[in-house]
Protein backbone atom coordinates (compact mmCIF):
# COMPACT_ATOMS: atom_id res chain seq x y z
CA UNK A 1 -38.71 -23.83 60.13
CA UNK A 2 -39.53 -20.15 61.69
CA UNK A 3 -40.10 -17.65 58.66
CA UNK A 4 -42.17 -14.39 60.09
CA UNK A 5 -40.91 -12.36 57.57
CA UNK A 6 -41.97 -14.76 54.75
CA UNK A 7 -44.87 -14.81 56.52
CA UNK A 8 -45.52 -11.26 56.66
CA UNK A 9 -45.09 -10.89 53.14
CA UNK A 10 -48.15 -13.46 52.87
CA UNK A 11 -45.81 -16.56 51.90
CA UNK A 12 -48.23 -19.30 53.78
CA UNK A 13 -46.34 -22.18 52.02
CA UNK A 14 -42.66 -22.14 52.66
CA UNK A 15 -41.41 -25.33 52.66
CA UNK A 16 -43.24 -25.39 48.96
CA UNK A 17 -40.48 -22.99 48.00
CA UNK A 18 -37.87 -24.40 45.78
CA UNK A 19 -35.80 -20.94 44.67
CA UNK A 20 -35.73 -17.36 44.40
CA UNK A 21 -34.09 -14.45 42.55
CA UNK A 22 -33.94 -10.94 43.54
CA UNK A 23 -33.35 -8.54 40.98
CA UNK A 24 -32.37 -4.38 41.09
CA UNK A 25 -34.77 -2.99 38.52
CA UNK A 26 -33.72 0.56 39.17
CA UNK A 27 -31.85 2.65 41.27
CA UNK A 28 -35.00 2.61 44.13
CA UNK A 29 -36.70 -0.45 43.14
CA UNK A 30 -35.81 -4.40 44.13
CA UNK A 31 -38.06 -7.12 42.49
CA UNK A 32 -37.73 -10.99 44.29
CA UNK A 33 -39.25 -13.39 42.62
CA UNK A 34 -40.01 -16.67 44.34
CA UNK A 35 -40.79 -20.41 42.77
CA UNK A 36 -43.05 -23.09 44.30
CA UNK A 37 -43.18 -26.64 43.39
CA UNK A 38 -46.87 -26.86 43.49
CA UNK A 39 -49.11 -30.10 44.30
CA UNK A 40 -50.62 -31.48 41.18
CA UNK A 41 -54.11 -29.82 40.72
CA UNK A 42 -53.19 -27.00 42.53
CA UNK A 43 -54.66 -23.35 41.95
CA UNK A 44 -51.62 -21.50 43.66
CA UNK A 45 -49.14 -20.14 41.14
CA UNK A 46 -45.78 -21.50 40.83
CA UNK A 47 -43.96 -18.15 40.62
CA UNK A 48 -44.96 -14.55 42.94
CA UNK A 49 -43.39 -11.49 42.67
CA UNK A 50 -42.54 -8.67 45.40
CA UNK A 51 -41.25 -5.12 44.89
CA UNK A 52 -39.51 -3.49 47.58
CA UNK A 53 -38.67 0.29 47.64
CA UNK A 54 -35.12 0.94 48.62
CA UNK A 55 -34.65 3.42 51.17
CA UNK A 56 -32.64 6.64 50.20
CA UNK A 57 -29.73 8.21 52.62
CA UNK A 58 -27.90 11.26 52.23
CA UNK A 59 -23.93 10.66 51.01
CA UNK A 60 -21.62 12.06 53.59
CA UNK A 61 -20.03 14.97 53.00
CA UNK A 62 -20.99 18.28 51.26
CA UNK A 63 -19.44 17.99 47.62
CA UNK A 64 -22.32 15.99 45.93
CA UNK A 65 -25.49 17.89 45.39
CA UNK A 66 -28.70 16.60 43.41
CA UNK A 67 -29.21 12.50 42.38
CA UNK A 68 -25.71 12.06 43.11
CA UNK A 69 -25.88 13.49 46.60
CA UNK A 70 -28.16 10.04 47.80
CA UNK A 71 -27.20 6.39 48.24
CA UNK A 72 -30.12 3.83 48.25
CA UNK A 73 -29.89 0.71 50.34
CA UNK A 74 -31.76 -2.32 50.27
CA UNK A 75 -35.07 -2.59 52.10
CA UNK A 76 -34.49 -4.35 55.43
CA UNK A 77 -37.78 -6.20 54.57
CA UNK A 78 -36.00 -7.78 51.65
CA UNK A 79 -32.66 -8.77 53.39
CA UNK A 80 -34.46 -10.85 56.27
CA UNK A 81 -36.45 -12.14 53.68
CA UNK A 82 -33.79 -13.40 51.33
CA UNK A 83 -32.06 -14.63 54.51
CA UNK A 84 -35.16 -16.67 55.57
CA UNK A 85 -35.25 -18.21 52.15
CA UNK A 86 -31.46 -18.94 52.09
CA UNK A 87 -31.60 -21.05 55.51
CA UNK A 88 -34.91 -22.54 54.11
CA UNK A 89 -33.45 -23.29 50.57
CA UNK A 90 -30.38 -24.94 52.40
CA UNK A 91 -32.40 -27.13 54.85
CA UNK A 92 -34.28 -28.64 52.11
CA UNK A 93 -30.72 -29.40 50.17
CA UNK A 94 -29.47 -30.98 53.34
CA UNK A 95 -32.48 -33.30 53.62
CA UNK A 96 -31.90 -34.25 49.78
CA UNK A 97 -28.49 -34.34 50.84
CA UNK A 98 -29.31 -37.11 53.35
CA UNK A 99 -31.94 -38.86 50.86
CA UNK A 100 -28.97 -38.59 47.68
CA UNK A 101 -26.15 -40.41 50.34
CA UNK A 102 -28.66 -42.81 51.16
CA UNK A 103 -29.56 -44.08 47.87
CA UNK A 104 -25.65 -44.10 47.23
CA UNK A 105 -25.16 -46.13 50.16
CA UNK A 106 -28.08 -48.50 48.98
CA UNK A 107 -26.39 -48.97 45.51
CA UNK A 108 -22.85 -49.41 46.75
CA UNK A 109 -24.39 -52.42 49.12
CA UNK A 110 -26.30 -54.03 46.24
CA UNK A 111 -22.98 -53.71 44.19
CA UNK A 112 -20.57 -55.23 47.26
CA UNK A 113 -23.93 -58.32 47.47
CA UNK A 114 -23.99 -58.39 44.36
CA UNK A 115 -20.12 -59.10 44.19
CA UNK A 116 -19.88 -61.50 47.04
CA UNK A 117 -22.75 -63.61 45.45
CA UNK A 118 -20.74 -63.89 42.29
CA UNK A 119 -17.97 -65.18 44.38
CA UNK A 120 -19.83 -67.73 46.73
CA UNK A 121 -20.96 -69.04 43.63
CA UNK A 122 -17.37 -69.50 41.74
CA UNK A 123 -16.22 -71.18 45.10
CA UNK A 124 -19.38 -73.50 44.92
CA UNK A 125 -18.77 -74.49 41.27
CA UNK A 126 -15.00 -75.04 42.28
CA UNK A 127 -16.67 -77.87 44.98
CA UNK A 128 -18.10 -80.09 42.52
């Protein structure tokens, strides 16, 4: 999957991402925490933290003054990064769901075969 914003942030192994959390810590700062599932013995961190400054824009109208006259909007880089993370995690869930559905199919097949074998064994016993 193409993740240019994550690459720009320094994330080189997006396939190892297992989750993230975006937190609004102050009026002009957001924090993005990205969690990884690293291979055994890896020296890379299991969690990385990124800070983003919010963009201050003046409120429309003349009635507000001082700090109330500014509204803070999420950083466009953070918005694009979270969109990429959502798409990446959704594609990983599809793979897991497919794996889980195949496991479920296998379990159902085993159950059906067990029932069918016991039915045929019972039929054999009635013949003797």
